[in-house]
Amino acid sequence: MKKRKGKIMGNNLKKVLVFLFCFSLVIGLIGCGGSSSGKIDGSDDSTPKAAAENKASGGSTETESSTDGPVEFTFWYPLGQNVLGNMKQYGENEVFQWAGEKLGVNVTFLHPVQGTEQEAFSLFFASDNLPDFIYTGGNLMYVDGPESAVEDGYFLDLTDLANEYCPNYMAVVNSSDDLKKLTVTDNGIRWCFNFIYEKGRKGNFGPVIRKDFLDAVGETVPVTYDDWTRVLTKFKNDLNIEAPVFIQYGDGDYSLNDWTAGFYTAKDFFAKDGKTATYGPLEDGYKDYLDLLAGWYKDGLLDQNFSIRNNVTPDDDLVFNDKIGGWVTFASWTGTDYYPSRGATNPDFNLVAAPIPAKKAGDERHLRNEDLQINSMQIAVSAKCQNIPKALEWMDFFYSKEGTQAMNYGLHEGKTYDVQPDGSLKWGEYITANPDGMTMTEARGYYTSNNAFYENYNRVSDTWKEVQKESQQTWVASKDDWVMPKGVNMTAEENQEFSSIMTEIRTYVVEETVKTIMGISSTSFDDFRNQIRSMGIERATEIYQTALNRYLSR
């Protein structure tokens, strides 16, 4: 089949050439990690045998390495230094080392420099040189959609192969009608391994505010937008806080709607009333949102550098040195421990959750960090992988009982995990109070897996203090019934047309939103909406609605 040329998002030629040069150096220099002698109790009786015959076109049918050493694979996986710690690459993680020895596999992880993930992801398709495993999801998606990535010969079609080589993964998927629905396209194409939550996961991300700052200015946790304006003004005037609140918009992350939800709109598409595809920036509430943030920016309440910061959470310097009062983050990062353990200098540091802001107290909100059965991340396998059966065996192992336990709790009873009287497991002191001085994030990244492929989220929430549990409860008090379901997907043809429309619209909306907030736009909101309509938003909405209807009728 002749390949279509995939579109590259957000790159110019100079960036591509510079990154390609750096990437070639990384490939040449990156090394393999050492081995681990850790053992895990129990044995796995369901690890698949690699078959002798491979049904995938272009893939090798070999199930053993052509040398005496392990089968070598590469895995592109964006990961922050706060997780890697002293590891050069994630292949040094104990569980991956242990599984590699068990299966005769060595996986070298490739980590893009933070802030270059989208450029690096696009380069793979421009160079037609994909690693064996590719992390994808969120903003890191093949522009014409997953079915196109399969049709164009980039991602391996797992529809039949998973049934043959991945009994553990398919047992998980087939355990739930919802998972059956969420893990394939509308045409029934299985194109990836999903990160799945064993028992689901409640929303765990939302607005936070410095409780010690609130105490200092005699305020309580804000509930409404007016409350936030009053509190932030006091932070600025009474405490001289440099950036009273940080709201990220620089890289167009469309999934976070904590600040728009109270205006009954979103930064991108949402499912209004749970069934109607709606483009948020066209809604009247989006003007209210822009007016609010423009006022905050003008009055010095919104971080003056918000437009050039790439991370969803604020830069460490802002947090560590009392330069910021409110932002959005994880429940596990609230309280008095996480940020101080990483370098926050104020001994009174205390971070608490705030409700999703509303126009009036008691108003319902329908958008937040949603409850999940699957994560937004996936792992695709390259269609050009040279040992497909072994690659699928390796992935499938982490959905087995033995592999799942290791990924969630590590390999060392009494150290990385403790067995409870009821037989359940909890993280041990090597994770929660590491004797070598690792942060919990670093220890979790080294001894277990930062994001287990089949995750028991209780491993995280069991470690939470009361303030962290209260943070989650504060956020999930709002509804998530207008969040676009993660299982909605478009056909290759729809995705091509949708992307050709939305790439320009989204660029325009981000640019105009930032200019409006900064007070440098001469465009009225009516003209803003008319411009979006002239760019084809009605057709894009029609396509999204068609895809949503298919999902709802599955």
Protein backbone atom coordinates (compact mmCIF):
# COMPACT_ATOMS: atom_id res chain seq x y z
CA MET A 1 0.00 0.00 0.00
CA LYS A 2 1.33 3.43 -0.86
CA LYS A 3 1.80 5.61 2.17
CA ARG A 4 0.25 9.01 2.55
CA LYS A 5 2.61 11.59 3.91
CA GLY A 6 1.71 12.25 7.55
CA LYS A 7 1.43 15.88 8.52
CA ILE A 8 3.91 17.29 11.03
CA MET A 9 2.50 19.59 13.66
CA GLY A 10 4.30 22.57 15.13
CA ASN A 11 7.71 22.12 13.48
CA ASN A 12 9.79 24.34 11.32
CA LEU A 13 12.70 23.08 9.31
CA LYS A 14 15.33 24.47 11.63
CA LYS A 15 13.84 22.76 14.66
CA VAL A 16 13.56 19.50 12.78
CA LEU A 17 17.19 19.55 11.66
CA VAL A 18 18.52 20.53 15.07
CA PHE A 19 16.43 17.92 16.84
CA LEU A 20 17.30 15.23 14.30
CA PHE A 21 21.00 15.87 14.91
CA CYS A 22 20.53 15.68 18.69
CA PHE A 23 18.33 12.61 18.37
CA SER A 24 20.99 10.82 16.33
CA LEU A 25 23.48 11.51 19.09
CA VAL A 26 21.09 10.10 21.70
CA ILE A 27 20.58 6.92 19.68
CA GLY A 28 24.32 6.49 19.34
CA LEU A 29 25.18 7.16 22.96
CA ILE A 30 22.31 5.75 24.99
CA GLY A 31 23.26 2.65 26.96
CA CYS A 32 21.57 -0.36 28.48
CA GLY A 33 20.92 -0.64 32.20
CA GLY A 34 22.32 -3.16 34.65
CA SER A 35 20.49 -6.19 35.95
CA SER A 36 18.51 -6.72 39.11
CA SER A 37 18.56 -9.75 41.35
CA GLY A 38 15.18 -8.97 42.91
CA LYS A 39 12.64 -11.80 43.04
CA ILE A 40 8.89 -11.77 43.29
CA ASP A 41 6.75 -14.26 45.16
CA GLY A 42 4.51 -16.51 43.07
CA SER A 43 4.71 -17.65 39.51
CA ASP A 44 2.89 -16.86 36.31
CA ASP A 45 1.15 -19.67 34.48
CA SER A 46 -0.23 -17.59 31.63
CA THR A 47 2.77 -16.01 29.91
CA PRO A 48 2.30 -16.69 26.16
CA LYS A 49 4.75 -18.74 24.15
CA ALA A 50 6.01 -16.84 21.11
CA ALA A 51 4.59 -18.58 18.07
CA ALA A 52 6.63 -19.80 15.16
CA GLU A 53 4.45 -18.27 12.53
CA ASN A 54 3.88 -14.53 12.32
CA LYS A 55 0.76 -13.33 10.56
CA ALA A 56 1.83 -9.71 10.47
CA SER A 57 3.22 -8.51 7.18
CA GLY A 58 6.70 -7.07 7.40
CA GLY A 59 7.53 -8.56 10.78
CA SER A 60 10.03 -11.28 11.50
CA THR A 61 8.77 -14.74 12.45
CA GLU A 62 11.82 -15.34 14.62
CA THR A 63 11.02 -15.92 18.29
CA GLU A 64 14.60 -16.18 19.52
CA SER A 65 17.44 -13.74 19.15
CA SER A 66 19.81 -14.42 16.27
CA THR A 67 22.69 -14.20 18.77
CA ASP A 68 23.22 -15.65 22.20
CA GLY A 69 22.14 -12.38 23.82
CA PRO A 70 18.67 -11.02 24.57
CA VAL A 71 16.32 -9.72 21.89
CA GLU A 72 16.85 -5.96 21.62
CA PHE A 73 14.00 -3.46 21.39
CA THR A 74 13.71 0.32 21.61
CA PHE A 75 10.89 2.20 23.35
CA TRP A 76 10.18 5.92 22.90
CA TYR A 77 8.78 7.14 26.21
CA PRO A 78 8.57 10.78 27.39
CA LEU A 79 9.52 10.90 31.06
CA GLY A 80 10.57 13.68 33.41
CA GLN A 81 13.81 13.77 35.34
CA ASN A 82 11.79 13.79 38.56
CA VAL A 83 10.87 10.17 37.72
CA LEU A 84 14.19 9.07 36.25
CA GLY A 85 16.23 10.33 39.20
CA ASN A 86 19.72 8.91 38.74
CA MET A 87 18.70 6.56 35.92
CA LYS A 88 20.03 7.43 32.49
CA GLN A 89 17.05 5.74 30.87
CA TYR A 90 13.99 3.83 32.05
CA GLY A 91 15.47 0.49 31.00
CA GLU A 92 17.44 0.64 34.26
CA ASN A 93 14.18 0.31 36.19
CA GLU A 94 14.23 -2.86 38.31
CA VAL A 95 11.00 -4.30 36.95
CA PHE A 96 12.02 -3.87 33.32
CA GLN A 97 15.41 -5.41 34.09
CA TRP A 98 13.80 -8.36 35.87
CA ALA A 99 11.20 -8.93 33.14
CA GLY A 100 13.91 -8.66 30.51
CA GLU A 101 15.97 -11.39 32.13
CA LYS A 102 12.87 -13.52 32.53
CA LEU A 103 11.85 -13.19 28.88
CA GLY A 104 15.23 -12.80 27.20
CA VAL A 105 14.59 -9.20 26.20
CA ASN A 106 16.50 -5.95 26.59
CA VAL A 107 14.59 -2.72 26.03
CA THR A 108 16.41 0.58 25.61
CA PHE A 109 14.21 3.56 26.39
CA LEU A 110 14.54 6.79 24.44
CA HIS A 111 13.47 9.95 26.28
CA PRO A 112 12.97 13.24 24.44
CA VAL A 113 14.14 16.44 26.07
CA GLN A 114 11.25 17.93 28.03
CA GLY A 115 9.47 20.51 25.91
CA THR A 116 10.41 18.82 22.61
CA GLU A 117 8.02 15.86 22.81
CA GLN A 118 5.73 16.91 19.97
CA GLU A 119 8.64 17.70 17.67
CA ALA A 120 10.31 14.40 18.46
CA PHE A 121 7.08 12.46 17.95
CA SER A 122 6.48 14.07 14.56
CA LEU A 123 10.07 13.39 13.48
CA PHE A 124 9.51 9.65 13.66
CA PHE A 125 6.94 9.85 10.89
CA ALA A 126 8.96 12.32 8.86
CA SER A 127 12.02 10.05 8.99
CA ASP A 128 10.05 6.78 8.79
CA ASN A 129 12.29 5.43 11.56
CA LEU A 130 10.07 4.37 14.43
CA PRO A 131 11.28 2.63 17.59
CA ASP A 132 9.73 -0.77 18.33
CA PHE A 133 7.39 0.66 20.97
CA ILE A 134 5.94 4.17 20.80
CA TYR A 135 4.26 6.02 23.64
CA THR A 136 1.28 7.93 22.27
CA GLY A 137 -1.71 9.81 23.63
CA GLY A 138 -2.86 13.31 24.51
CA ASN A 139 -1.11 15.73 22.17
CA LEU A 140 1.20 12.97 20.91
CA MET A 141 -1.04 11.40 18.30
CA TYR A 142 -0.59 10.61 14.63
CA VAL A 143 -2.30 13.58 13.06
CA ASP A 144 -4.65 11.58 10.81
CA GLY A 145 -5.67 9.24 13.64
CA PRO A 146 -4.72 5.74 14.78
CA GLU A 147 -6.44 3.91 11.93
CA SER A 148 -4.41 5.98 9.47
CA ALA A 149 -1.25 5.16 11.41
CA VAL A 150 -2.07 1.49 10.84
CA GLU A 151 -3.08 1.95 7.20
CA ASP A 152 0.03 4.03 6.48
CA GLY A 153 2.27 1.25 7.77
CA TYR A 154 3.50 2.93 10.96
CA PHE A 155 1.57 1.18 13.75
CA LEU A 156 1.04 -2.56 13.91
CA ASP A 157 -2.54 -3.81 13.54
CA LEU A 158 -3.12 -5.83 16.72
CA THR A 159 -6.71 -6.82 15.96
CA ASP A 160 -5.92 -10.49 15.30
CA LEU A 161 -2.42 -10.63 16.77
CA ALA A 162 -3.56 -9.69 20.27
CA ASN A 163 -5.96 -12.62 20.35
CA GLU A 164 -3.14 -14.96 19.34
CA TYR A 165 -0.16 -13.64 21.32
CA CYS A 166 -1.62 -11.60 24.18
CA PRO A 167 -3.90 -13.76 26.36
CA ASN A 168 -3.27 -11.68 29.49
CA TYR A 169 -4.07 -8.37 27.84
CA MET A 170 -7.17 -9.73 26.14
CA ALA A 171 -8.38 -11.31 29.37
CA VAL A 172 -8.28 -7.85 30.95
CA VAL A 173 -10.02 -6.22 27.98
CA ASN A 174 -12.72 -8.91 27.82
CA SER A 175 -13.46 -8.61 31.53
CA SER A 176 -15.55 -5.49 30.94
CA ASP A 177 -18.00 -4.40 28.27
CA ASP A 178 -16.75 -0.83 28.69
CA LEU A 179 -13.15 -1.91 28.11
CA LYS A 180 -14.19 -3.81 24.99
CA LYS A 181 -15.73 -0.57 23.77
CA LEU A 182 -12.89 1.75 24.80
CA THR A 183 -9.92 -0.19 23.44
CA VAL A 184 -10.82 -0.41 19.74
CA THR A 185 -11.84 2.01 17.02
CA ASP A 186 -15.37 2.16 15.66
CA ASN A 187 -14.27 -0.26 12.95
CA GLY A 188 -13.02 -2.69 15.57
CA ILE A 189 -9.32 -2.01 14.92
CA ARG A 190 -7.07 -2.71 17.89
CA TRP A 191 -4.04 -0.50 17.32
CA CYS A 192 -2.38 -0.21 20.74
CA PHE A 193 -1.95 -1.50 24.27
CA ASN A 194 -3.95 0.69 26.63
CA PHE A 195 -2.90 1.77 30.08
CA ILE A 196 -5.82 0.32 32.05
CA TYR A 197 -6.93 0.95 35.63
CA GLU A 198 -7.67 -2.34 37.34
CA LYS A 199 -10.38 -0.85 39.58
CA GLY A 200 -10.94 2.46 37.84
CA ARG A 201 -9.54 5.81 38.91
CA LYS A 202 -11.41 8.84 40.20
CA GLY A 203 -10.37 12.29 39.03
CA ASN A 204 -7.16 13.25 40.81
CA PHE A 205 -6.19 16.61 39.34
CA GLY A 206 -7.58 20.08 39.88
CA PRO A 207 -7.17 23.61 41.25
CA VAL A 208 -5.01 24.14 44.33
CA ILE A 209 -4.13 27.12 46.50
CA ARG A 210 -1.60 27.89 49.21
CA LYS A 211 -3.39 27.45 52.54
CA ASP A 212 -0.61 29.26 54.43
CA PHE A 213 -1.13 32.28 52.16
CA LEU A 214 -4.88 32.14 52.81
CA ASP A 215 -4.28 32.12 56.55
CA ALA A 216 -1.89 35.06 56.23
CA VAL A 217 -4.52 37.24 54.51
CA GLY A 218 -7.46 36.00 56.58
CA GLU A 219 -9.25 34.20 53.74
CA THR A 220 -10.82 30.78 53.19
CA VAL A 221 -10.60 28.52 50.15
CA PRO A 222 -12.23 30.28 47.17
CA VAL A 223 -15.34 28.75 45.59
CA THR A 224 -16.48 31.27 42.97
CA TYR A 225 -14.56 33.30 40.40
CA ASP A 226 -15.27 36.41 42.48
CA ASP A 227 -13.76 34.64 45.50
CA TRP A 228 -10.64 33.91 43.47
CA THR A 229 -10.36 37.53 42.35
CA ARG A 230 -10.61 38.77 45.93
CA VAL A 231 -8.11 36.24 47.28
CA LEU A 232 -5.58 36.72 44.48
CA THR A 233 -5.74 40.48 44.93
CA LYS A 234 -4.83 40.05 48.59
CA PHE A 235 -1.98 37.69 47.65
CA LYS A 236 -0.58 40.40 45.39
CA ASN A 237 -1.16 43.44 47.57
CA ASP A 238 -0.63 42.03 51.06
CA LEU A 239 1.97 39.32 50.42
CA ASN A 240 3.67 40.71 47.30
CA ILE A 241 3.23 37.39 45.48
CA GLU A 242 4.77 37.67 42.02
CA ALA A 243 2.27 35.40 40.19
CA PRO A 244 -0.84 34.97 42.34
CA VAL A 245 -2.25 32.37 39.91
CA PHE A 246 -0.83 30.37 37.00
CA ILE A 247 -3.04 29.10 34.18
CA GLN A 248 -1.21 27.32 31.37
CA TYR A 249 -2.09 28.11 27.79
CA GLY A 250 1.19 28.30 25.94
CA ASP A 251 1.17 24.92 24.18
CA GLY A 252 -2.58 24.60 23.70
CA ASP A 253 -3.30 21.76 26.13
CA TYR A 254 -6.98 21.23 25.43
CA SER A 255 -7.79 18.68 28.10
CA LEU A 256 -7.73 20.90 31.19
CA ASN A 257 -10.97 22.78 31.71
CA ASP A 258 -10.87 23.52 35.43
CA TRP A 259 -11.04 27.27 34.85
CA THR A 260 -13.61 27.20 32.01
CA ALA A 261 -16.01 24.67 33.57
CA GLY A 262 -17.87 27.24 35.66
CA PHE A 263 -18.69 29.11 32.45
CA TYR A 264 -20.15 25.89 30.98
CA THR A 265 -17.57 25.69 28.24
CA ALA A 266 -14.19 24.20 27.40
CA LYS A 267 -10.95 25.05 25.62
CA ASP A 268 -11.76 22.61 22.83
CA PHE A 269 -14.53 20.10 22.02
CA PHE A 270 -16.73 18.72 24.79
CA ALA A 271 -19.89 16.60 24.89
CA LYS A 272 -22.56 19.08 25.99
CA ASP A 273 -25.31 17.28 27.89
CA GLY A 274 -23.25 14.15 27.31
CA LYS A 275 -24.32 13.80 23.69
CA THR A 276 -23.71 16.95 21.66
CA ALA A 277 -20.25 17.70 20.23
CA THR A 278 -19.63 21.36 21.04
CA TYR A 279 -16.62 23.57 20.34
CA GLY A 280 -15.98 25.49 23.54
CA PRO A 281 -14.50 28.75 22.16
CA LEU A 282 -17.76 29.42 20.28
CA GLU A 283 -19.82 29.40 23.49
CA ASP A 284 -20.88 32.61 25.22
CA GLY A 285 -19.15 31.36 28.34
CA TYR A 286 -15.80 31.48 26.58
CA LYS A 287 -16.10 35.27 26.39
CA ASP A 288 -16.71 35.36 30.13
CA TYR A 289 -13.63 33.20 30.61
CA LEU A 290 -11.51 35.53 28.44
CA ASP A 291 -12.83 38.60 30.24
CA LEU A 292 -11.95 37.07 33.61
CA LEU A 293 -8.41 36.16 32.64
CA ALA A 294 -7.81 39.45 30.84
CA GLY A 295 -8.81 41.26 34.01
CA TRP A 296 -6.54 39.07 36.11
CA TYR A 297 -3.65 39.65 33.73
CA LYS A 298 -4.16 43.42 33.64
CA ASP A 299 -4.27 43.58 37.44
CA GLY A 300 -1.15 41.46 37.84
CA LEU A 301 -3.04 38.49 39.31
CA LEU A 302 -2.27 36.06 36.45
CA ASP A 303 1.34 35.01 35.88
CA GLN A 304 2.69 37.56 33.41
CA ASN A 305 4.69 34.85 31.64
CA PHE A 306 1.83 32.35 31.34
CA SER A 307 1.99 32.33 27.53
CA ILE A 308 5.59 31.13 27.31
CA ARG A 309 5.54 28.44 29.96
CA ASN A 310 5.21 24.95 28.50
CA ASN A 311 4.24 22.87 31.52
CA VAL A 312 0.72 22.37 32.81
CA THR A 313 2.03 22.80 36.36
CA PRO A 314 4.13 25.87 37.21
CA ASP A 315 7.91 26.00 37.08
CA ASP A 316 9.62 24.84 40.27
CA ASP A 317 11.13 28.26 40.89
CA LEU A 318 7.68 29.79 41.23
CA VAL A 319 6.52 27.18 43.72
CA PHE A 320 9.72 26.68 45.71
CA ASN A 321 10.27 30.39 46.33
CA ASP A 322 6.74 31.54 47.20
CA LYS A 323 6.19 33.34 43.90
CA ILE A 324 2.80 31.74 43.16
CA GLY A 325 -0.42 31.19 45.05
CA GLY A 326 -2.74 29.03 42.92
CA TRP A 327 -2.50 26.57 40.04
CA VAL A 328 -3.66 23.04 39.08
CA THR A 329 -1.94 19.83 40.10
CA PHE A 330 -2.33 16.29 41.42
CA ALA A 331 -4.04 15.33 44.67
CA SER A 332 -0.88 13.53 45.79
CA TRP A 333 1.06 16.80 45.53
CA THR A 334 -1.17 18.63 48.00
CA GLY A 335 -0.43 18.99 51.69
CA THR A 336 2.82 19.86 53.41
CA ASP A 337 5.21 17.20 52.14
CA TYR A 338 5.60 16.89 48.37
CA TYR A 339 6.86 20.30 47.35
CA PRO A 340 8.98 20.83 50.49
CA SER A 341 10.64 17.45 49.83
CA ARG A 342 11.60 18.77 46.40
CA GLY A 343 12.94 22.14 47.54
CA ALA A 344 10.15 24.49 48.65
CA THR A 345 11.81 26.87 51.10
CA ASN A 346 8.92 28.06 53.26
CA PRO A 347 8.56 25.92 56.44
CA ASP A 348 4.86 26.82 56.56
CA PHE A 349 4.19 25.56 53.01
CA ASN A 350 0.71 24.03 52.80
CA LEU A 351 -1.17 23.31 49.58
CA VAL A 352 -4.88 22.45 49.55
CA ALA A 353 -7.48 21.78 46.87
CA ALA A 354 -10.07 24.31 45.79
CA PRO A 355 -13.38 23.37 44.14
CA ILE A 356 -13.74 23.75 40.39
CA PRO A 357 -14.61 27.49 40.28
CA ALA A 358 -18.21 28.51 39.64
CA LYS A 359 -19.97 31.76 38.82
CA LYS A 360 -22.22 31.30 41.84
CA ALA A 361 -21.85 29.01 44.85
CA GLY A 362 -23.94 25.91 44.30
CA ASP A 363 -23.77 26.00 40.49
CA GLU A 364 -23.25 22.61 38.88
CA ARG A 365 -20.05 22.04 36.91
CA HIS A 366 -19.84 19.30 34.28
CA LEU A 367 -16.15 19.36 33.30
CA ARG A 368 -13.17 18.27 35.35
CA ASN A 369 -10.39 15.71 35.39
CA GLU A 370 -12.61 12.74 34.66
CA ASP A 371 -13.01 9.33 36.25
CA LEU A 372 -11.24 6.75 34.12
CA GLN A 373 -11.12 3.10 33.24
CA ILE A 374 -8.30 3.63 30.78
CA ASN A 375 -5.56 6.21 30.86
CA SER A 376 -5.13 8.69 28.02
CA MET A 377 -1.80 7.04 27.21
CA GLN A 378 -1.27 4.11 24.86
CA ILE A 379 1.61 2.06 23.55
CA ALA A 380 1.74 1.34 19.84
CA VAL A 381 4.04 -1.26 18.29
CA SER A 382 5.93 -0.35 15.14
CA ALA A 383 4.74 -2.21 12.05
CA LYS A 384 8.42 -2.61 11.16
CA CYS A 385 9.35 -4.29 14.44
CA GLN A 386 11.70 -7.16 13.55
CA ASN A 387 10.44 -9.60 16.16
CA ILE A 388 6.72 -9.08 16.57
CA PRO A 389 5.90 -12.25 18.55
CA LYS A 390 8.59 -11.46 21.13
CA ALA A 391 7.55 -7.83 21.31
CA LEU A 392 3.94 -8.84 21.98
CA GLU A 393 5.04 -11.42 24.53
CA TRP A 394 6.98 -8.74 26.40
CA MET A 395 4.06 -6.31 26.43
CA ASP A 396 1.54 -8.97 27.36
CA PHE A 397 3.61 -10.10 30.33
CA PHE A 398 2.89 -6.84 32.14
CA TYR A 399 -0.84 -7.61 32.09
CA SER A 400 -0.32 -11.03 33.70
CA LYS A 401 -0.77 -11.51 37.45
CA GLU A 402 2.97 -11.70 38.02
CA GLY A 403 3.85 -8.80 35.74
CA THR A 404 1.05 -6.62 37.10
CA GLN A 405 2.14 -7.15 40.69
CA ALA A 406 5.74 -6.31 39.86
CA MET A 407 4.82 -3.16 37.94
CA ASN A 408 2.53 -1.95 40.72
CA TYR A 409 4.46 -2.99 43.82
CA GLY A 410 7.98 -3.98 42.86
CA LEU A 411 9.93 -7.13 43.54
CA HIS A 412 10.85 -7.07 47.22
CA GLU A 413 8.39 -8.14 49.92
CA GLY A 414 9.05 -6.22 53.10
CA LYS A 415 10.81 -3.47 51.17
CA THR A 416 8.93 -2.29 48.09
CA TYR A 417 5.66 -3.79 49.30
CA ASP A 418 4.07 -5.22 52.43
CA VAL A 419 1.37 -7.89 52.49
CA GLN A 420 -1.64 -6.82 54.56
CA PRO A 421 -3.67 -9.18 56.79
CA ASP A 422 -6.39 -9.37 54.14
CA GLY A 423 -3.83 -10.37 51.51
CA SER A 424 -3.77 -7.02 49.73
CA LEU A 425 -0.51 -5.20 49.09
CA LYS A 426 0.70 -1.75 50.03
CA TRP A 427 3.86 0.05 49.12
CA GLY A 428 6.69 -0.54 51.56
CA GLU A 429 9.30 1.80 52.97
CA TYR A 430 11.52 1.62 49.87
CA ILE A 431 8.75 3.58 48.13
CA THR A 432 7.20 5.66 50.90
CA ALA A 433 10.32 6.52 52.97
CA ASN A 434 13.26 5.49 50.86
CA PRO A 435 16.39 4.78 52.95
CA ASP A 436 18.63 6.08 50.15
CA GLY A 437 16.96 9.46 50.07
CA MET A 438 14.95 8.98 46.87
CA THR A 439 11.75 10.97 46.61
CA MET A 440 8.62 8.83 46.39
CA THR A 441 8.36 9.69 42.69
CA GLU A 442 11.95 8.56 42.06
CA ALA A 443 11.51 5.39 44.12
CA ARG A 444 8.25 4.58 42.39
CA GLY A 445 9.99 5.11 39.04
CA TYR A 446 12.93 2.86 39.91
CA TYR A 447 11.40 0.01 41.95
CA THR A 448 7.93 -0.22 40.36
CA SER A 449 6.61 1.65 37.33
CA ASN A 450 5.61 5.27 37.29
CA ASN A 451 2.52 4.29 35.29
CA ALA A 452 1.81 0.57 35.43
CA PHE A 453 0.30 -0.76 32.21
CA TYR A 454 -2.44 -2.41 34.28
CA GLU A 455 -2.57 -0.19 37.33
CA ASN A 456 -4.14 -0.74 40.71
CA TYR A 457 -4.55 2.91 41.64
CA ASN A 458 -5.03 1.92 45.26
CA ARG A 459 -1.25 1.66 45.41
CA VAL A 460 -1.17 5.45 45.11
CA SER A 461 -4.27 6.44 47.05
CA ASP A 462 -3.38 4.09 49.94
CA THR A 463 -0.36 6.32 50.64
CA TRP A 464 -2.36 9.52 50.68
CA LYS A 465 -2.75 11.55 53.80
CA GLU A 466 -6.13 12.92 54.74
CA VAL A 467 -5.50 16.24 52.98
CA GLN A 468 -4.81 14.41 49.72
CA LYS A 469 -7.94 12.30 50.00
CA GLU A 470 -9.90 15.48 50.71
CA SER A 471 -8.39 17.07 47.59
CA GLN A 472 -9.76 14.33 45.39
CA GLN A 473 -13.17 14.49 47.05
CA THR A 474 -13.23 18.26 46.56
CA TRP A 475 -12.76 17.92 42.81
CA VAL A 476 -15.02 14.94 42.17
CA ALA A 477 -17.87 16.79 43.84
CA SER A 478 -18.20 18.37 40.40
CA LYS A 479 -19.54 16.24 37.56
CA ASP A 480 -17.56 14.99 34.57
CA ASP A 481 -20.53 14.11 32.36
CA TRP A 482 -19.66 16.63 29.63
CA VAL A 483 -16.13 15.37 29.12
CA MET A 484 -15.70 13.92 25.63
CA PRO A 485 -15.41 10.11 26.06
CA LYS A 486 -11.91 8.80 25.43
CA GLY A 487 -13.23 6.03 23.21
CA VAL A 488 -14.53 8.45 20.55
CA ASN A 489 -12.50 8.11 17.37
CA MET A 490 -12.77 8.99 13.74
CA THR A 491 -12.19 7.06 10.57
CA ALA A 492 -8.99 7.76 8.67
CA GLU A 493 -10.85 9.89 6.16
CA GLU A 494 -12.72 11.81 8.86
CA ASN A 495 -9.53 12.38 10.81
CA GLN A 496 -7.75 13.75 7.77
CA GLU A 497 -10.52 16.21 7.04
CA PHE A 498 -11.00 17.10 10.71
CA SER A 499 -7.28 17.68 11.23
CA SER A 500 -6.96 19.80 8.10
CA ILE A 501 -9.65 22.08 9.54
CA MET A 502 -8.74 22.03 13.22
CA THR A 503 -4.98 22.49 12.94
CA GLU A 504 -5.51 26.03 11.69
CA ILE A 505 -8.47 26.74 13.96
CA ARG A 506 -6.66 25.60 17.08
CA THR A 507 -3.60 27.65 16.19
CA TYR A 508 -5.79 30.71 15.65
CA VAL A 509 -7.76 30.16 18.87
CA VAL A 510 -4.66 29.76 21.03
CA GLU A 511 -3.00 32.81 19.52
CA GLU A 512 -6.10 34.98 19.79
CA THR A 513 -6.89 33.72 23.29
CA VAL A 514 -3.42 34.63 24.51
CA LYS A 515 -3.55 38.06 22.83
CA THR A 516 -6.99 38.74 24.31
CA ILE A 517 -5.85 37.80 27.79
CA MET A 518 -2.78 40.01 27.41
CA GLY A 519 -4.92 42.92 26.18
CA ILE A 520 -3.20 43.23 22.81
CA SER A 521 -5.97 41.95 20.55
CA SER A 522 -8.12 44.30 18.48
CA THR A 523 -10.57 41.50 17.59
CA SER A 524 -14.04 41.55 19.14
CA PHE A 525 -15.47 38.29 20.43
CA ASP A 526 -18.10 38.30 17.67
CA ASP A 527 -15.37 38.67 15.06
CA PHE A 528 -13.38 35.94 16.82
CA ARG A 529 -16.31 33.55 16.52
CA ASN A 530 -17.05 34.55 12.95
CA GLN A 531 -13.46 33.89 11.99
CA ILE A 532 -13.64 30.40 13.53
CA ARG A 533 -16.85 29.72 11.62
CA SER A 534 -15.27 30.91 8.37
CA MET A 535 -12.46 28.40 8.90
CA GLY A 536 -14.85 25.44 8.80
CA ILE A 537 -15.77 24.73 12.42
CA GLU A 538 -19.29 23.65 11.47
CA ARG A 539 -17.91 20.84 9.32
CA ALA A 540 -15.41 19.83 12.01
CA THR A 541 -18.23 19.72 14.56
CA GLU A 542 -20.33 17.61 12.21
CA ILE A 543 -17.48 15.12 11.89
CA TYR A 544 -16.98 14.99 15.66
CA GLN A 545 -20.71 14.53 16.21
CA THR A 546 -20.77 11.62 13.78
CA ALA A 547 -17.90 9.97 15.64
CA LEU A 548 -19.58 10.62 19.01
CA ASN A 549 -22.85 9.13 17.75
CA ARG A 550 -21.03 5.98 16.66
CA TYR A 551 -19.40 5.67 20.06
CA LEU A 552 -22.67 6.17 21.94
CA SER A 553 -24.37 3.52 19.80
CA ARG A 554 -21.64 0.86 20.11
